[in-house]
Amino acid sequence: MKKVLTAMTIVLAAVAILAAAGCKKQEGAAGDPNSGKKTYRIAVIPKGTTHIFWKSIHAGAIKAQQELKAAGIDV
């Protein structure tokens, strides 16, 4: 029983180490102007482009972009 418990402890420790290694934060390149800065994208997939409903959805996405840009968020 003690051997099984020791083996399980070793396996759990190995899994924890591998999980921690996979969570490493990537840094941007030194010359990258957006290094450390998040850029968001608003995606809209309409079923059409001529119906008034989808035109209003597109206008809402443009308005959201303008509002976020005014708040200092890069979109």
C-alpha atoms as a PDB file:
ATOM      1  CA  MET A   1       0.000   0.000   0.000  1.00  0.00           C
ATOM      2  CA  LYS A   2       2.848   2.352   0.804  1.00  0.00           C
ATOM      3  CA  LYS A   3       4.404   1.752  -2.643  1.00  0.00           C
ATOM      4  CA  VAL A   4       1.130   2.599  -4.379  1.00  0.00           C
ATOM      5  CA  LEU A   5       0.766   5.813  -2.386  1.00  0.00           C
ATOM      6  CA  THR A   6       4.353   6.818  -3.168  1.00  0.00           C
ATOM      7  CA  ALA A   7       3.853   6.095  -6.879  1.00  0.00           C
ATOM      8  CA  MET A   8       0.641   8.139  -6.938  1.00  0.00           C
ATOM      9  CA  THR A   9       2.384  11.032  -5.210  1.00  0.00           C
ATOM     10  CA  ILE A  10       5.175  10.992  -7.798  1.00  0.00           C
ATOM     11  CA  VAL A  11       2.680  10.914 -10.666  1.00  0.00           C
ATOM     12  CA  LEU A  12       0.668  13.795  -9.196  1.00  0.00           C
ATOM     13  CA  ALA A  13       3.833  15.847  -8.666  1.00  0.00           C
ATOM     14  CA  ALA A  14       4.872  15.234 -12.287  1.00  0.00           C
ATOM     15  CA  VAL A  15       1.431  16.304 -13.552  1.00  0.00           C
ATOM     16  CA  ALA A  16       1.569  19.472 -11.442  1.00  0.00           C
ATOM     17  CA  ILE A  17       5.031  20.347 -12.778  1.00  0.00           C
ATOM     18  CA  LEU A  18       3.965  19.788 -16.385  1.00  0.00           C
ATOM     19  CA  ALA A  19       0.803  21.842 -15.890  1.00  0.00           C
ATOM     20  CA  ALA A  20       2.785  24.719 -14.395  1.00  0.00           C
ATOM     21  CA  ALA A  21       5.279  24.600 -17.268  1.00  0.00           C
ATOM     22  CA  GLY A  22       2.432  24.869 -19.795  1.00  0.00           C
ATOM     23  CA  CYS A  23       1.137  28.064 -18.183  1.00  0.00           C
ATOM     24  CA  LYS A  24       4.211  30.143 -18.990  1.00  0.00           C
ATOM     25  CA  LYS A  25       3.283  33.603 -20.272  1.00  0.00           C
ATOM     26  CA  GLN A  26       4.643  34.428 -23.707  1.00  0.00           C
ATOM     27  CA  GLU A  27       6.178  37.837 -24.167  1.00  0.00           C
ATOM     28  CA  GLY A  28       6.023  39.812 -27.394  1.00  0.00           C
ATOM     29  CA  ALA A  29       9.044  40.608 -29.505  1.00  0.00           C
ATOM     30  CA  ALA A  30      11.183  43.569 -28.475  1.00  0.00           C
ATOM     31  CA  GLY A  31      10.263  45.577 -31.579  1.00  0.00           C
ATOM     32  CA  ASP A  32       6.572  44.733 -31.454  1.00  0.00           C
ATOM     33  CA  PRO A  33       4.567  47.955 -30.843  1.00  0.00           C
ATOM     34  CA  ASN A  34       1.644  45.957 -29.382  1.00  0.00           C
ATOM     35  CA  SER A  35       3.857  44.030 -26.984  1.00  0.00           C
ATOM     36  CA  GLY A  36       1.917  43.616 -23.742  1.00  0.00           C
ATOM     37  CA  LYS A  37      -1.135  45.342 -25.216  1.00  0.00           C
ATOM     38  CA  LYS A  38      -4.346  43.435 -25.971  1.00  0.00           C
ATOM     39  CA  THR A  39      -6.147  44.014 -29.254  1.00  0.00           C
ATOM     40  CA  TYR A  40      -9.757  42.926 -29.533  1.00  0.00           C
ATOM     41  CA  ARG A  41     -11.766  42.006 -32.610  1.00  0.00           C
ATOM     42  CA  ILE A  42     -15.534  42.218 -32.883  1.00  0.00           C
ATOM     43  CA  ALA A  43     -16.785  39.475 -35.188  1.00  0.00           C
ATOM     44  CA  VAL A  44     -20.266  39.477 -36.702  1.00  0.00           C
ATOM     45  CA  ILE A  45     -21.393  36.698 -39.024  1.00  0.00           C
ATOM     46  CA  PRO A  46     -24.662  37.772 -40.648  1.00  0.00           C
ATOM     47  CA  LYS A  47     -26.973  35.587 -42.707  1.00  0.00           C
ATOM     48  CA  GLY A  48     -27.302  38.422 -45.195  1.00  0.00           C
ATOM     49  CA  THR A  49     -26.243  41.999 -45.845  1.00  0.00           C
ATOM     50  CA  THR A  50     -29.328  43.570 -47.381  1.00  0.00           C
ATOM     51  CA  HIS A  51     -31.976  43.064 -44.681  1.00  0.00           C
ATOM     52  CA  ILE A  52     -32.453  45.954 -42.258  1.00  0.00           C
ATOM     53  CA  PHE A  53     -31.935  43.683 -39.245  1.00  0.00           C
ATOM     54  CA  TRP A  54     -28.412  42.688 -40.317  1.00  0.00           C
ATOM     55  CA  LYS A  55     -27.612  46.292 -41.246  1.00  0.00           C
ATOM     56  CA  SER A  56     -28.535  47.303 -37.681  1.00  0.00           C
ATOM     57  CA  ILE A  57     -26.310  44.524 -36.282  1.00  0.00           C
ATOM     58  CA  HIS A  58     -23.402  45.831 -38.382  1.00  0.00           C
ATOM     59  CA  ALA A  59     -24.059  49.385 -37.191  1.00  0.00           C
ATOM     60  CA  GLY A  60     -24.046  48.151 -33.584  1.00  0.00           C
ATOM     61  CA  ALA A  61     -20.663  46.490 -34.076  1.00  0.00           C
ATOM     62  CA  ILE A  62     -19.231  49.710 -35.537  1.00  0.00           C
ATOM     63  CA  LYS A  63     -20.673  51.691 -32.604  1.00  0.00           C
ATOM     64  CA  ALA A  64     -19.149  49.227 -30.117  1.00  0.00           C
ATOM     65  CA  GLN A  65     -15.767  49.646 -31.819  1.00  0.00           C
ATOM     66  CA  GLN A  66     -15.994  53.433 -31.545  1.00  0.00           C
ATOM     67  CA  GLU A  67     -17.059  53.288 -27.874  1.00  0.00           C
ATOM     68  CA  LEU A  68     -14.243  50.899 -26.947  1.00  0.00           C
ATOM     69  CA  LYS A  69     -11.701  52.972 -28.854  1.00  0.00           C
ATOM     70  CA  ALA A  70     -12.874  56.081 -26.988  1.00  0.00           C
ATOM     71  CA  ALA A  71     -12.353  54.193 -23.720  1.00  0.00           C
ATOM     72  CA  GLY A  72      -8.759  53.443 -24.743  1.00  0.00           C
ATOM     73  CA  ILE A  73      -9.248  49.812 -25.733  1.00  0.00           C
ATOM     74  CA  ASP A  74      -7.604  48.824 -29.016  1.00  0.00           C
ATOM     75  CA  VAL A  75     -10.177  47.237 -31.358  1.00  0.00           C
END
